[in-house]
Amino acid sequence: MNKTELRDAIAKEAGLTNAEADRALDATLSAITQAVASGDKVSLTGFGTFEARERSARTGRNPQTGAEIQIAASTAPAFKAGSAFKQAVAGK
Protein backbone atom coordinates (compact mmCIF):
# COMPACT_ATOMS: atom_id res chain seq x y z
CA MET A 1 0.00 0.00 0.00
CA ASN A 2 1.38 3.40 -0.95
CA LYS A 3 0.37 6.83 0.35
CA THR A 4 -2.37 7.31 -2.27
CA GLU A 5 -3.92 3.95 -1.46
CA LEU A 6 -3.74 4.74 2.26
CA ARG A 7 -5.41 8.10 1.63
CA ASP A 8 -8.18 6.38 -0.34
CA ALA A 9 -8.72 3.86 2.47
CA ILE A 10 -8.90 6.66 5.06
CA ALA A 11 -11.39 8.60 2.91
CA LYS A 12 -13.61 5.55 2.50
CA GLU A 13 -13.48 4.48 6.17
CA ALA A 14 -14.04 7.97 7.60
CA GLY A 15 -16.48 9.21 4.96
CA LEU A 16 -14.16 12.02 3.85
CA THR A 17 -13.30 13.37 0.43
CA ASN A 18 -9.89 12.43 -0.95
CA ALA A 19 -8.70 16.01 -0.39
CA GLU A 20 -9.82 15.97 3.26
CA ALA A 21 -8.24 12.57 3.86
CA ASP A 22 -5.02 13.75 2.20
CA ARG A 23 -4.84 16.80 4.49
CA ALA A 24 -5.56 14.62 7.55
CA LEU A 25 -2.88 12.09 6.58
CA ASP A 26 -0.31 14.81 5.86
CA ALA A 27 -1.09 16.52 9.17
CA THR A 28 -0.76 13.25 11.08
CA LEU A 29 2.56 12.34 9.51
CA SER A 30 3.87 15.88 10.03
CA ALA A 31 2.85 15.89 13.71
CA ILE A 32 4.53 12.51 14.32
CA THR A 33 7.69 13.61 12.50
CA GLN A 34 7.94 16.90 14.39
CA ALA A 35 7.34 15.25 17.78
CA VAL A 36 9.95 12.54 17.25
CA ALA A 37 12.45 15.05 15.81
CA SER A 38 12.10 17.15 18.97
CA GLY A 39 12.79 14.12 21.18
CA ASP A 40 9.24 13.18 22.17
CA LYS A 41 7.66 9.74 21.94
CA VAL A 42 4.39 9.30 20.08
CA SER A 43 2.37 6.41 21.54
CA LEU A 44 -0.73 5.17 19.75
CA THR A 45 -2.32 2.61 22.07
CA GLY A 46 -2.69 -0.75 20.38
CA PHE A 47 -0.75 0.38 17.31
CA GLY A 48 2.74 1.27 18.50
CA THR A 49 5.27 3.87 19.56
CA PHE A 50 7.40 6.16 17.41
CA GLU A 51 10.60 7.48 19.02
CA ALA A 52 14.16 8.58 18.37
CA ARG A 53 16.91 6.21 19.51
CA GLU A 54 20.55 7.03 20.09
CA ARG A 55 23.16 4.85 18.43
CA SER A 56 26.57 4.94 20.09
CA ALA A 57 29.82 5.29 18.19
CA ARG A 58 31.33 1.96 17.19
CA THR A 59 34.01 0.31 15.12
CA GLY A 60 33.00 -1.29 11.83
CA ARG A 61 34.74 -2.85 8.87
CA ASN A 62 34.96 -1.76 5.25
CA PRO A 63 33.49 -4.77 3.41
CA GLN A 64 35.77 -4.28 0.37
CA THR A 65 39.10 -3.90 2.14
CA GLY A 66 38.43 -5.32 5.60
CA ALA A 67 39.94 -2.18 7.15
CA GLU A 68 38.49 -0.98 10.44
CA ILE A 69 36.49 2.26 10.31
CA GLN A 70 34.94 4.40 13.00
CA ILE A 71 31.17 4.82 12.76
CA ALA A 72 29.99 8.03 14.43
CA ALA A 73 27.21 8.18 17.00
CA SER A 74 23.82 9.03 15.53
CA THR A 75 20.13 9.39 16.26
CA ALA A 76 17.69 7.26 14.28
CA PRO A 77 13.89 7.02 14.16
CA ALA A 78 12.40 3.81 15.56
CA PHE A 79 9.00 2.16 15.75
CA LYS A 80 7.91 -0.44 18.29
CA ALA A 81 4.71 -2.24 17.35
CA GLY A 82 1.92 -2.51 19.93
CA SER A 83 0.41 -5.83 20.97
CA ALA A 84 -2.87 -5.38 19.05
CA PHE A 85 -0.94 -4.54 15.86
CA LYS A 86 1.37 -7.54 16.33
CA GLN A 87 -1.60 -9.85 16.83
CA ALA A 88 -3.40 -8.50 13.76
CA VAL A 89 -0.32 -9.04 11.59
CA ALA A 90 0.32 -12.50 13.02
CA GLY A 91 -3.31 -13.43 12.31
CA LYS A 92 -4.14 -14.33 15.90
PDB file of N, CA and C in Angstrom:
ATOM      1  N   MET A   1       0.854  -1.178   0.000  1.00  0.00           N
ATOM      2  CA  MET A   1       0.000   0.000   0.000  1.00  0.00           C
ATOM      3  C   MET A   1       0.894   1.234   0.000  1.00  0.00           C
ATOM      4  N   ASN A   2       0.621   2.145  -0.931  1.00  0.00           N
ATOM      5  CA  ASN A   2       1.379   3.396  -0.954  1.00  0.00           C
ATOM      6  C   ASN A   2       0.531   4.510  -0.326  1.00  0.00           C
ATOM      7  N   LYS A   3       1.055   5.721  -0.329  1.00  0.00           N
ATOM      8  CA  LYS A   3       0.375   6.827   0.346  1.00  0.00           C
ATOM      9  C   LYS A   3      -0.992   7.123  -0.283  1.00  0.00           C
ATOM     10  N   THR A   4      -1.095   7.047  -1.603  1.00  0.00           N
ATOM     11  CA  THR A   4      -2.366   7.311  -2.274  1.00  0.00           C
ATOM     12  C   THR A   4      -3.406   6.264  -1.902  1.00  0.00           C
ATOM     13  N   GLU A   5      -2.995   5.014  -1.859  1.00  0.00           N
ATOM     14  CA  GLU A   5      -3.923   3.950  -1.462  1.00  0.00           C
ATOM     15  C   GLU A   5      -4.342   4.095  -0.006  1.00  0.00           C
ATOM     16  N   LEU A   6      -3.412   4.502   0.855  1.00  0.00           N
ATOM     17  CA  LEU A   6      -3.744   4.738   2.256  1.00  0.00           C
ATOM     18  C   LEU A   6      -4.730   5.892   2.377  1.00  0.00           C
ATOM     19  N   ARG A   7      -4.490   6.962   1.636  1.00  0.00           N
ATOM     20  CA  ARG A   7      -5.406   8.104   1.634  1.00  0.00           C
ATOM     21  C   ARG A   7      -6.800   7.677   1.204  1.00  0.00           C
ATOM     22  N   ASP A   8      -6.887   6.860   0.151  1.00  0.00           N
ATOM     23  CA  ASP A   8      -8.180   6.378  -0.337  1.00  0.00           C
ATOM     24  C   ASP A   8      -8.884   5.528   0.715  1.00  0.00           C
ATOM     25  N   ALA A   9      -8.141   4.693   1.416  1.00  0.00           N
ATOM     26  CA  ALA A   9      -8.721   3.860   2.468  1.00  0.00           C
ATOM     27  C   ALA A   9      -9.228   4.715   3.627  1.00  0.00           C
ATOM     28  N   ILE A  10      -8.470   5.742   3.990  1.00  0.00           N
ATOM     29  CA  ILE A  10      -8.899   6.656   5.061  1.00  0.00           C
ATOM     30  C   ILE A  10     -10.175   7.381   4.643  1.00  0.00           C
ATOM     31  N   ALA A  11     -10.212   7.875   3.410  1.00  0.00           N
ATOM     32  CA  ALA A  11     -11.386   8.596   2.915  1.00  0.00           C
ATOM     33  C   ALA A  11     -12.624   7.711   2.950  1.00  0.00           C
ATOM     34  N   LYS A  12     -12.474   6.467   2.522  1.00  0.00           N
ATOM     35  CA  LYS A  12     -13.613   5.549   2.499  1.00  0.00           C
ATOM     36  C   LYS A  12     -14.085   5.207   3.911  1.00  0.00           C
ATOM     37  N   GLU A  13     -13.136   4.883   4.798  1.00  0.00           N
ATOM     38  CA  GLU A  13     -13.478   4.480   6.171  1.00  0.00           C
ATOM     39  C   GLU A  13     -14.090   5.617   6.983  1.00  0.00           C
ATOM     40  N   ALA A  14     -13.587   6.830   6.786  1.00  0.00           N
ATOM     41  CA  ALA A  14     -14.044   7.969   7.595  1.00  0.00           C
ATOM     42  C   ALA A  14     -15.119   8.800   6.906  1.00  0.00           C
ATOM     43  N   GLY A  15     -15.459   8.444   5.670  1.00  0.00           N
ATOM     44  CA  GLY A  15     -16.480   9.211   4.957  1.00  0.00           C
ATOM     45  C   GLY A  15     -16.009  10.609   4.584  1.00  0.00           C
ATOM     46  N   LEU A  16     -14.741  10.726   4.218  1.00  0.00           N
ATOM     47  CA  LEU A  16     -14.160  12.016   3.845  1.00  0.00           C
ATOM     48  C   LEU A  16     -13.921  12.051   2.338  1.00  0.00           C
ATOM     49  N   THR A  17     -13.737  13.255   1.824  1.00  0.00           N
ATOM     50  CA  THR A  17     -13.304  13.367   0.427  1.00  0.00           C
ATOM     51  C   THR A  17     -11.826  13.015   0.379  1.00  0.00           C
ATOM     52  N   ASN A  18     -11.309  12.729  -0.815  1.00  0.00           N
ATOM     53  CA  ASN A  18      -9.887  12.430  -0.949  1.00  0.00           C
ATOM     54  C   ASN A  18      -9.032  13.604  -0.501  1.00  0.00           C
ATOM     55  N   ALA A  19      -9.467  14.820  -0.786  1.00  0.00           N
ATOM     56  CA  ALA A  19      -8.704  16.011  -0.392  1.00  0.00           C
ATOM     57  C   ALA A  19      -8.651  16.133   1.135  1.00  0.00           C
ATOM     58  N   GLU A  20      -9.786  15.896   1.799  1.00  0.00           N
ATOM     59  CA  GLU A  20      -9.821  15.972   3.264  1.00  0.00           C
ATOM     60  C   GLU A  20      -8.950  14.875   3.885  1.00  0.00           C
ATOM     61  N   ALA A  21      -9.043  13.679   3.345  1.00  0.00           N
ATOM     62  CA  ALA A  21      -8.239  12.574   3.857  1.00  0.00           C
ATOM     63  C   ALA A  21      -6.756  12.829   3.633  1.00  0.00           C
ATOM     64  N   ASP A  22      -6.415  13.421   2.499  1.00  0.00           N
ATOM     65  CA  ASP A  22      -5.021  13.748   2.195  1.00  0.00           C
ATOM     66  C   ASP A  22      -4.477  14.763   3.194  1.00  0.00           C
ATOM     67  N   ARG A  23      -5.268  15.795   3.499  1.00  0.00           N
ATOM     68  CA  ARG A  23      -4.836  16.799   4.493  1.00  0.00           C
ATOM     69  C   ARG A  23      -4.696  16.167   5.875  1.00  0.00           C
ATOM     70  N   ALA A  24      -5.622  15.284   6.242  1.00  0.00           N
ATOM     71  CA  ALA A  24      -5.558  14.623   7.547  1.00  0.00           C
ATOM     72  C   ALA A  24      -4.323  13.729   7.645  1.00  0.00           C
ATOM     73  N   LEU A  25      -4.055  12.968   6.598  1.00  0.00           N
ATOM     74  CA  LEU A  25      -2.885  12.087   6.583  1.00  0.00           C
ATOM     75  C   LEU A  25      -1.599  12.898   6.647  1.00  0.00           C
ATOM     76  N   ASP A  26      -1.502  13.950   5.841  1.00  0.00           N
ATOM     77  CA  ASP A  26      -0.308  14.806   5.859  1.00  0.00           C
ATOM     78  C   ASP A  26      -0.102  15.444   7.227  1.00  0.00           C
ATOM     79  N   ALA A  27      -1.186  15.903   7.848  1.00  0.00           N
ATOM     80  CA  ALA A  27      -1.091  16.525   9.173  1.00  0.00           C
ATOM     81  C   ALA A  27      -0.639  15.513  10.221  1.00  0.00           C
ATOM     82  N   THR A  28      -1.147  14.291  10.137  1.00  0.00           N
ATOM     83  CA  THR A  28      -0.765  13.246  11.084  1.00  0.00           C
ATOM     84  C   THR A  28       0.713  12.909  10.949  1.00  0.00           C
ATOM     85  N   LEU A  29       1.160  12.679   9.734  1.00  0.00           N
ATOM     86  CA  LEU A  29       2.563  12.339   9.514  1.00  0.00           C
ATOM     87  C   LEU A  29       3.490  13.483   9.923  1.00  0.00           C
ATOM     88  N   SER A  30       3.074  14.713   9.648  1.00  0.00           N
ATOM     89  CA  SER A  30       3.868  15.876  10.029  1.00  0.00           C
ATOM     90  C   SER A  30       3.970  16.000  11.551  1.00  0.00           C
ATOM     91  N   ALA A  31       2.854  15.789  12.246  1.00  0.00           N
ATOM     92  CA  ALA A  31       2.853  15.892  13.710  1.00  0.00           C
ATOM     93  C   ALA A  31       3.744  14.817  14.327  1.00  0.00           C
ATOM     94  N   ILE A  32       3.683  13.591  13.808  1.00  0.00           N
ATOM     95  CA  ILE A  32       4.528  12.511  14.322  1.00  0.00           C
ATOM     96  C   ILE A  32       5.997  12.833  14.064  1.00  0.00           C
ATOM     97  N   THR A  33       6.305  13.285  12.852  1.00  0.00           N
ATOM     98  CA  THR A  33       7.686  13.609  12.496  1.00  0.00           C
ATOM     99  C   THR A  33       8.243  14.714  13.387  1.00  0.00           C
ATOM    100  N   GLN A  34       7.475  15.776  13.572  1.00  0.00           N
ATOM    101  CA  GLN A  34       7.936  16.900  14.393  1.00  0.00           C
ATOM    102  C   GLN A  34       8.131  16.491  15.846  1.00  0.00           C
ATOM    103  N   ALA A  35       7.220  15.685  16.382  1.00  0.00           N
ATOM    104  CA  ALA A  35       7.337  15.255  17.778  1.00  0.00           C
ATOM    105  C   ALA A  35       8.570  14.387  17.985  1.00  0.00           C
ATOM    106  N   VAL A  36       8.794  13.423  17.109  1.00  0.00           N
ATOM    107  CA  VAL A  36       9.951  12.535  17.248  1.00  0.00           C
ATOM    108  C   VAL A  36      11.246  13.313  17.033  1.00  0.00           C
ATOM    109  N   ALA A  37      11.257  14.242  16.076  1.00  0.00           N
ATOM    110  CA  ALA A  37      12.451  15.052  15.812  1.00  0.00           C
ATOM    111  C   ALA A  37      12.817  15.916  17.015  1.00  0.00           C
ATOM    112  N   SER A  38      11.814  16.326  17.801  1.00  0.00           N
ATOM    113  CA  SER A  38      12.097  17.149  18.973  1.00  0.00           C
ATOM    114  C   SER A  38      12.390  16.315  20.217  1.00  0.00           C
ATOM    115  N   GLY A  39      12.419  14.984  20.067  1.00  0.00           N
ATOM    116  CA  GLY A  39      12.793  14.125  21.183  1.00  0.00           C
ATOM    117  C   GLY A  39      11.635  13.504  21.932  1.00  0.00           C
ATOM    118  N   ASP A  40      10.408  13.760  21.509  1.00  0.00           N
ATOM    119  CA  ASP A  40       9.238  13.180  22.173  1.00  0.00           C
ATOM    120  C   ASP A  40       8.925  11.802  21.612  1.00  0.00           C
ATOM    121  N   LYS A  41       8.191  11.013  22.405  1.00  0.00           N
ATOM    122  CA  LYS A  41       7.662   9.744  21.939  1.00  0.00           C
ATOM    123  C   LYS A  41       6.213   9.964  21.522  1.00  0.00           C
ATOM    124  N   VAL A  42       5.787   9.261  20.496  1.00  0.00           N
ATOM    125  CA  VAL A  42       4.388   9.301  20.079  1.00  0.00           C
ATOM    126  C   VAL A  42       3.839   7.894  20.265  1.00  0.00           C
ATOM    127  N   SER A  43       2.941   7.719  21.240  1.00  0.00           N
ATOM    128  CA  SER A  43       2.368   6.409  21.540  1.00  0.00           C
ATOM    129  C   SER A  43       0.929   6.359  21.087  1.00  0.00           C
ATOM    130  N   LEU A  44       0.631   5.405  20.216  1.00  0.00           N
ATOM    131  CA  LEU A  44      -0.729   5.171  19.752  1.00  0.00           C
ATOM    132  C   LEU A  44      -1.145   3.812  20.309  1.00  0.00           C
ATOM    133  N   THR A  45      -1.951   3.823  21.358  1.00  0.00           N
ATOM    134  CA  THR A  45      -2.321   2.612  22.070  1.00  0.00           C
ATOM    135  C   THR A  45      -2.849   1.552  21.115  1.00  0.00           C
ATOM    136  N   GLY A  46      -2.292   0.358  21.216  1.00  0.00           N
ATOM    137  CA  GLY A  46      -2.691  -0.754  20.381  1.00  0.00           C
ATOM    138  C   GLY A  46      -1.970  -0.798  19.046  1.00  0.00           C
ATOM    139  N   PHE A  47      -1.445   0.340  18.592  1.00  0.00           N
ATOM    140  CA  PHE A  47      -0.748   0.384  17.305  1.00  0.00           C
ATOM    141  C   PHE A  47       0.753   0.330  17.499  1.00  0.00           C
ATOM    142  N   GLY A  48       1.306   1.281  18.264  1.00  0.00           N
ATOM    143  CA  GLY A  48       2.740   1.272  18.504  1.00  0.00           C
ATOM    144  C   GLY A  48       3.270   2.610  18.955  1.00  0.00           C
ATOM    145  N   THR A  49       4.588   2.678  19.078  1.00  0.00           N
ATOM    146  CA  THR A  49       5.271   3.874  19.564  1.00  0.00           C
ATOM    147  C   THR A  49       6.359   4.292  18.587  1.00  0.00           C
ATOM    148  N   PHE A  50       6.353   5.566  18.236  1.00  0.00           N
ATOM    149  CA  PHE A  50       7.403   6.165  17.414  1.00  0.00           C
ATOM    150  C   PHE A  50       8.326   6.921  18.353  1.00  0.00           C
ATOM    151  N   GLU A  51       9.640   6.770  18.170  1.00  0.00           N
ATOM    152  CA  GLU A  51      10.596   7.483  19.015  1.00  0.00           C
ATOM    153  C   GLU A  51      11.932   7.610  18.299  1.00  0.00           C
ATOM    154  N   ALA A  52      12.794   8.442  18.866  1.00  0.00           N
ATOM    155  CA  ALA A  52      14.164   8.579  18.370  1.00  0.00           C
ATOM    156  C   ALA A  52      15.063   7.771  19.289  1.00  0.00           C
ATOM    157  N   ARG A  53      15.981   7.010  18.713  1.00  0.00           N
ATOM    158  CA  ARG A  53      16.913   6.213  19.507  1.00  0.00           C
ATOM    159  C   ARG A  53      18.344   6.626  19.182  1.00  0.00           C
ATOM    160  N   GLU A  54      19.141   6.675  20.229  1.00  0.00           N
ATOM    161  CA  GLU A  54      20.553   7.031  20.088  1.00  0.00           C
ATOM    162  C   GLU A  54      21.358   5.788  19.736  1.00  0.00           C
ATOM    163  N   ARG A  55      22.218   5.914  18.765  1.00  0.00           N
ATOM    164  CA  ARG A  55      23.165   4.849  18.427  1.00  0.00           C
ATOM    165  C   ARG A  55      24.540   5.323  18.841  1.00  0.00           C
ATOM    166  N   SER A  56      25.243   4.530  19.624  1.00  0.00           N
ATOM    167  CA  SER A  56      26.567   4.945  20.092  1.00  0.00           C
ATOM    168  C   SER A  56      27.602   4.746  18.982  1.00  0.00           C
ATOM    169  N   ALA A  57      28.720   5.428  19.147  1.00  0.00           N
ATOM    170  CA  ALA A  57      29.822   5.287  18.193  1.00  0.00           C
ATOM    171  C   ALA A  57      30.363   3.862  18.296  1.00  0.00           C
ATOM    172  N   ARG A  58      30.827   3.323  17.173  1.00  0.00           N
ATOM    173  CA  ARG A  58      31.330   1.958  17.185  1.00  0.00           C
ATOM    174  C   ARG A  58      32.352   1.776  16.065  1.00  0.00           C
ATOM    175  N   THR A  59      33.044   0.660  16.145  1.00  0.00           N
ATOM    176  CA  THR A  59      34.011   0.309  15.115  1.00  0.00           C
ATOM    177  C   THR A  59      33.361  -0.664  14.147  1.00  0.00           C
ATOM    178  N   GLY A  60      33.530  -0.400  12.859  1.00  0.00           N
ATOM    179  CA  GLY A  60      33.005  -1.289  11.833  1.00  0.00           C
ATOM    180  C   GLY A  60      34.118  -1.708  10.894  1.00  0.00           C
ATOM    181  N   ARG A  61      33.757  -2.418   9.852  1.00  0.00           N
ATOM    182  CA  ARG A  61      34.743  -2.846   8.866  1.00  0.00           C
ATOM    183  C   ARG A  61      34.276  -2.465   7.468  1.00  0.00           C
ATOM    184  N   ASN A  62      35.224  -2.020   6.651  1.00  0.00           N
ATOM    185  CA  ASN A  62      34.956  -1.761   5.247  1.00  0.00           C
ATOM    186  C   ASN A  62      34.820  -3.126   4.569  1.00  0.00           C
ATOM    187  N   PRO A  63      33.670  -3.441   3.969  1.00  0.00           N
ATOM    188  CA  PRO A  63      33.490  -4.772   3.405  1.00  0.00           C
ATOM    189  C   PRO A  63      34.402  -5.067   2.210  1.00  0.00           C
ATOM    190  N   GLN A  64      34.898  -4.046   1.531  1.00  0.00           N
ATOM    191  CA  GLN A  64      35.774  -4.276   0.368  1.00  0.00           C
ATOM    192  C   GLN A  64      37.216  -4.536   0.770  1.00  0.00           C
ATOM    193  N   THR A  65      37.689  -3.782   1.772  1.00  0.00           N
ATOM    194  CA  THR A  65      39.103  -3.899   2.136  1.00  0.00           C
ATOM    195  C   THR A  65      39.322  -4.621   3.455  1.00  0.00           C
ATOM    196  N   GLY A  66      38.288  -4.704   4.282  1.00  0.00           N
ATOM    197  CA  GLY A  66      38.432  -5.320   5.598  1.00  0.00           C
ATOM    198  C   GLY A  66      39.027  -4.384   6.624  1.00  0.00           C
ATOM    199  N   ALA A  67      39.340  -3.144   6.224  1.00  0.00           N
ATOM    200  CA  ALA A  67      39.936  -2.177   7.150  1.00  0.00           C
ATOM    201  C   ALA A  67      38.898  -1.713   8.164  1.00  0.00           C
ATOM    202  N   GLU A  68      39.383  -1.484   9.391  1.00  0.00           N
ATOM    203  CA  GLU A  68      38.491  -0.975  10.435  1.00  0.00           C
ATOM    204  C   GLU A  68      38.165   0.490  10.169  1.00  0.00           C
ATOM    205  N   ILE A  69      36.910   0.860  10.428  1.00  0.00           N
ATOM    206  CA  ILE A  69      36.488   2.260  10.312  1.00  0.00           C
ATOM    207  C   ILE A  69      35.699   2.630  11.556  1.00  0.00           C
ATOM    208  N   GLN A  70      35.708   3.913  11.862  1.00  0.00           N
ATOM    209  CA  GLN A  70      34.944   4.396  13.004  1.00  0.00           C
ATOM    210  C   GLN A  70      33.586   4.899  12.502  1.00  0.00           C
ATOM    211  N   ILE A  71      32.515   4.390  13.101  1.00  0.00           N
ATOM    212  CA  ILE A  71      31.167   4.819  12.758  1.00  0.00           C
ATOM    213  C   ILE A  71      30.718   5.773  13.857  1.00  0.00           C
ATOM    214  N   ALA A  72      30.352   6.992  13.463  1.00  0.00           N
ATOM    215  CA  ALA A  72      29.991   8.030  14.429  1.00  0.00           C
ATOM    216  C   ALA A  72      28.662   7.717  15.115  1.00  0.00           C
ATOM    217  N   ALA A  73      28.479   8.291  16.292  1.00  0.00           N
ATOM    218  CA  ALA A  73      27.206   8.180  17.002  1.00  0.00           C
ATOM    219  C   ALA A  73      26.132   8.888  16.191  1.00  0.00           C
ATOM    220  N   SER A  74      24.899   8.416  16.281  1.00  0.00           N
ATOM    221  CA  SER A  74      23.815   9.033  15.529  1.00  0.00           C
ATOM    222  C   SER A  74      22.479   8.830  16.237  1.00  0.00           C
ATOM    223  N   THR A  75      21.496   9.538  15.773  1.00  0.00           N
ATOM    224  CA  THR A  75      20.131   9.393  16.260  1.00  0.00           C
ATOM    225  C   THR A  75      19.291   8.893  15.097  1.00  0.00           C
ATOM    226  N   ALA A  76      18.489   7.854  15.344  1.00  0.00           N
ATOM    227  CA  ALA A  76      17.688   7.261  14.280  1.00  0.00           C
ATOM    228  C   ALA A  76      16.236   7.105  14.729  1.00  0.00           C
ATOM    229  N   PRO A  77      15.290   7.252  13.808  1.00  0.00           N
ATOM    230  CA  PRO A  77      13.888   7.024  14.162  1.00  0.00           C
ATOM    231  C   PRO A  77      13.647   5.533  14.374  1.00  0.00           C
ATOM    232  N   ALA A  78      12.718   5.209  15.278  1.00  0.00           N
ATOM    233  CA  ALA A  78      12.398   3.814  15.561  1.00  0.00           C
ATOM    234  C   ALA A  78      10.900   3.669  15.796  1.00  0.00           C
ATOM    235  N   PHE A  79      10.399   2.478  15.521  1.00  0.00           N
ATOM    236  CA  PHE A  79       8.996   2.164  15.750  1.00  0.00           C
ATOM    237  C   PHE A  79       8.914   0.839  16.473  1.00  0.00           C
ATOM    238  N   LYS A  80       8.143   0.798  17.558  1.00  0.00           N
ATOM    239  CA  LYS A  80       7.911  -0.440  18.290  1.00  0.00           C
ATOM    240  C   LYS A  80       6.423  -0.747  18.178  1.00  0.00           C
ATOM    241  N   ALA A  81       6.095  -1.871  17.568  1.00  0.00           N
ATOM    242  CA  ALA A  81       4.706  -2.241  17.352  1.00  0.00           C
ATOM    243  C   ALA A  81       4.013  -2.581  18.667  1.00  0.00           C
ATOM    244  N   GLY A  82       2.738  -2.192  18.767  1.00  0.00           N
ATOM    245  CA  GLY A  82       1.924  -2.508  19.931  1.00  0.00           C
ATOM    246  C   GLY A  82       1.373  -3.921  19.825  1.00  0.00           C
ATOM    247  N   SER A  83       0.867  -4.439  20.940  1.00  0.00           N
ATOM    248  CA  SER A  83       0.413  -5.831  20.973  1.00  0.00           C
ATOM    249  C   SER A  83      -0.762  -6.096  20.033  1.00  0.00           C
ATOM    250  N   ALA A  84      -1.722  -5.177  19.930  1.00  0.00           N
ATOM    251  CA  ALA A  84      -2.872  -5.384  19.046  1.00  0.00           C
ATOM    252  C   ALA A  84      -2.421  -5.417  17.589  1.00  0.00           C
ATOM    253  N   PHE A  85      -1.478  -4.565  17.228  1.00  0.00           N
ATOM    254  CA  PHE A  85      -0.938  -4.539  15.858  1.00  0.00           C
ATOM    255  C   PHE A  85      -0.191  -5.838  15.558  1.00  0.00           C
ATOM    256  N   LYS A  86       0.625  -6.289  16.511  1.00  0.00           N
ATOM    257  CA  LYS A  86       1.370  -7.539  16.332  1.00  0.00           C
ATOM    258  C   LYS A  86       0.417  -8.706  16.129  1.00  0.00           C
ATOM    259  N   GLN A  87      -0.641  -8.756  16.946  1.00  0.00           N
ATOM    260  CA  GLN A  87      -1.597  -9.852  16.835  1.00  0.00           C
ATOM    261  C   GLN A  87      -2.349  -9.818  15.512  1.00  0.00           C
ATOM    262  N   ALA A  88      -2.691  -8.628  15.038  1.00  0.00           N
ATOM    263  CA  ALA A  88      -3.396  -8.503  13.764  1.00  0.00           C
ATOM    264  C   ALA A  88      -2.526  -8.970  12.599  1.00  0.00           C
ATOM    265  N   VAL A  89      -1.245  -8.636  12.642  1.00  0.00           N
ATOM    266  CA  VAL A  89      -0.316  -9.035  11.589  1.00  0.00           C
ATOM    267  C   VAL A  89      -0.059 -10.532  11.637  1.00  0.00           C
ATOM    268  N   ALA A  90       0.042 -11.080  12.847  1.00  0.00           N
ATOM    269  CA  ALA A  90       0.319 -12.505  13.015  1.00  0.00           C
ATOM    270  C   ALA A  90      -0.927 -13.347  12.695  1.00  0.00           C
ATOM    271  N   GLY A  91      -2.083 -12.709  12.615  1.00  0.00           N
ATOM    272  CA  GLY A  91      -3.306 -13.435  12.314  1.00  0.00           C
ATOM    273  C   GLY A  91      -3.904 -14.153  13.499  1.00  0.00           C
ATOM    274  N   LYS A  92      -3.619 -13.685  14.684  1.00  0.00           N
ATOM    275  CA  LYS A  92      -4.140 -14.330  15.901  1.00  0.00           C
ATOM    276  C   LYS A  92      -5.273 -13.550  16.482  1.00  0.00           C
TER     277      LYS A  92
END
